[in-house]
Amino acid sequence: MSAPTPAAGTPTPQVQRTRSVAVASLLGLIVLGLLWELWLAPVRPGGSWLALKVLPLCIPLAGLMKNRMYTYRWLSLMVWLYFTEGVVRATTDRAPSAWLALVEVALCLTLFVACTLHVRLRLKNAADATPVASA
């Protein structure tokens, strides 16, 4: 006996899971960026303007919450900017900033994988739901 297929338009558990991981890792990047640059290891004592780097991360948050496929696609590309920053700071800064940079790298990789899996699963589910026209 096969498992029941979800109704058209209903996301599968895997799609819901990838969405949750993507939203959580994006929120993690925002919180990490703010804490890092304002309190944990700011470039200047008392915080720095570098905390503004999280503002571009707030833009895709609305698209992820509305489950827009386009947002997942361009976010999977944008996250590489933050990945690059994390790698550079992990190899050039001292602790604790280097450790925070490694956390940023891990969150970026998690976000990228979640976004790409989300898009792949949704496209696969859409293809499976589309009836094949017989000749």
Protein backbone atom coordinates (compact mmCIF):
# COMPACT_ATOMS: atom_id res chain seq x y z
CA MET A 1 0.00 0.00 0.00
CA SER A 2 1.48 3.38 -0.97
CA ALA A 3 1.52 6.48 1.17
CA PRO A 4 -1.22 8.99 0.44
CA THR A 5 -0.15 11.92 -1.67
CA PRO A 6 -0.85 15.40 -0.32
CA ALA A 7 -3.56 17.47 -1.93
CA ALA A 8 -2.53 19.92 -4.63
CA GLY A 9 -1.10 23.08 -3.09
CA THR A 10 -0.40 21.41 0.26
CA PRO A 11 3.32 21.40 1.06
CA THR A 12 4.88 18.07 1.96
CA PRO A 13 6.59 17.60 5.33
CA GLN A 14 10.00 17.81 3.61
CA VAL A 15 9.12 21.16 2.03
CA GLN A 16 7.84 22.46 5.35
CA ARG A 17 11.04 21.29 7.04
CA THR A 18 13.30 23.02 4.51
CA ARG A 19 11.26 26.20 4.89
CA SER A 20 11.63 26.06 8.67
CA VAL A 21 15.38 25.48 8.43
CA ALA A 22 15.76 28.34 5.93
CA VAL A 23 13.81 30.78 8.11
CA ALA A 24 15.65 29.69 11.26
CA SER A 25 19.09 30.01 9.69
CA LEU A 26 18.22 33.42 8.20
CA LEU A 27 17.02 34.63 11.59
CA GLY A 28 20.19 33.15 13.10
CA LEU A 29 22.33 35.15 10.67
CA ILE A 30 20.46 38.36 11.53
CA VAL A 31 20.78 37.82 15.28
CA LEU A 32 24.42 36.73 15.01
CA GLY A 33 25.30 39.78 12.92
CA LEU A 34 23.72 42.16 15.39
CA LEU A 35 25.17 40.51 18.49
CA TRP A 36 28.60 40.16 16.90
CA GLU A 37 28.96 43.78 15.76
CA LEU A 38 27.24 45.45 18.71
CA TRP A 39 28.19 43.41 21.80
CA LEU A 40 30.20 40.21 21.40
CA ALA A 41 33.21 41.26 19.29
CA PRO A 42 32.66 44.66 17.67
CA VAL A 43 35.34 46.16 15.44
CA ARG A 44 35.33 49.24 17.71
CA PRO A 45 34.53 49.27 21.43
CA GLY A 46 30.89 50.09 22.01
CA GLY A 47 29.68 48.70 18.68
CA SER A 48 30.21 49.56 15.05
CA TRP A 49 28.28 50.58 11.98
CA LEU A 50 29.17 47.18 10.54
CA ALA A 51 26.00 45.95 12.25
CA LEU A 52 24.13 47.45 9.29
CA LYS A 53 25.29 44.46 7.25
CA VAL A 54 22.23 42.58 8.52
CA LEU A 55 19.77 44.96 6.83
CA PRO A 56 19.92 43.16 3.45
CA LEU A 57 19.10 39.93 5.30
CA CYS A 58 15.83 41.43 6.53
CA ILE A 59 14.54 41.87 2.96
CA PRO A 60 14.14 38.17 2.09
CA LEU A 61 12.53 37.41 5.45
CA ALA A 62 9.12 38.56 4.20
CA GLY A 63 9.43 36.44 1.05
CA LEU A 64 10.35 33.36 3.05
CA MET A 65 7.40 33.90 5.37
CA LYS A 66 5.10 34.17 2.33
CA ASN A 67 6.75 31.07 0.84
CA ARG A 68 7.74 32.75 -2.43
CA MET A 69 9.86 30.51 -4.63
CA TYR A 70 11.71 33.45 -6.20
CA THR A 71 12.96 34.56 -2.78
CA TYR A 72 14.47 31.15 -2.07
CA ARG A 73 16.27 31.27 -5.41
CA TRP A 74 17.92 34.69 -5.06
CA LEU A 75 18.60 34.23 -1.35
CA SER A 76 20.60 31.10 -2.17
CA LEU A 77 22.85 33.36 -4.25
CA MET A 78 22.97 36.33 -1.86
CA VAL A 79 24.04 34.16 1.07
CA TRP A 80 27.43 33.61 -0.57
CA LEU A 81 28.36 37.24 0.22
CA TYR A 82 27.96 36.51 3.93
CA PHE A 83 29.74 33.17 3.53
CA THR A 84 32.70 34.99 1.98
CA GLU A 85 32.77 37.51 4.82
CA GLY A 86 32.71 34.67 7.33
CA VAL A 87 35.57 32.81 5.68
CA VAL A 88 37.70 35.95 5.43
CA ARG A 89 37.08 36.97 9.03
CA ALA A 90 37.57 33.41 10.31
CA THR A 91 41.03 33.32 8.75
CA THR A 92 42.13 36.89 9.52
CA ASP A 93 40.51 37.88 12.84
CA ARG A 94 41.39 36.70 16.32
CA ALA A 95 39.08 34.97 18.77
CA PRO A 96 36.24 35.54 19.61
CA SER A 97 35.56 37.14 16.24
CA ALA A 98 37.07 34.20 14.37
CA TRP A 99 34.73 31.79 16.20
CA LEU A 100 31.73 33.95 15.40
CA ALA A 101 32.81 33.97 11.78
CA LEU A 102 32.81 30.17 11.75
CA VAL A 103 29.27 30.20 13.12
CA GLU A 104 28.35 32.61 10.31
CA VAL A 105 29.86 30.21 7.75
CA ALA A 106 27.87 27.29 9.20
CA LEU A 107 24.63 29.30 9.15
CA CYS A 108 25.29 30.37 5.55
CA LEU A 109 25.86 26.79 4.44
CA THR A 110 22.73 25.67 6.25
CA LEU A 111 20.70 28.44 4.63
CA PHE A 112 22.05 27.62 1.18
CA VAL A 113 21.28 23.91 1.50
CA ALA A 114 17.80 24.62 2.88
CA CYS A 115 16.98 27.05 0.05
CA THR A 116 18.22 24.77 -2.71
CA LEU A 117 16.47 21.72 -1.29
CA HIS A 118 13.28 23.74 -0.85
CA VAL A 119 13.29 24.84 -4.48
CA ARG A 120 14.18 21.36 -5.72
CA LEU A 121 11.45 19.67 -3.66
CA ARG A 122 8.79 22.18 -4.65
CA LEU A 123 9.64 21.84 -8.34
CA LYS A 124 9.60 18.04 -8.04
CA ASN A 125 6.24 18.11 -6.24
CA ALA A 126 4.81 20.45 -8.87
CA ALA A 127 6.00 18.14 -11.65
CA ASP A 128 4.53 15.11 -9.88
CA ALA A 129 1.18 16.89 -9.42
CA THR A 130 0.95 17.89 -13.08
CA PRO A 131 -1.00 15.30 -15.04
CA VAL A 132 0.79 13.94 -18.08
CA ALA A 133 -1.19 14.39 -21.31
CA SER A 134 -1.52 11.14 -23.18
CA ALA A 135 -1.58 11.12 -26.96
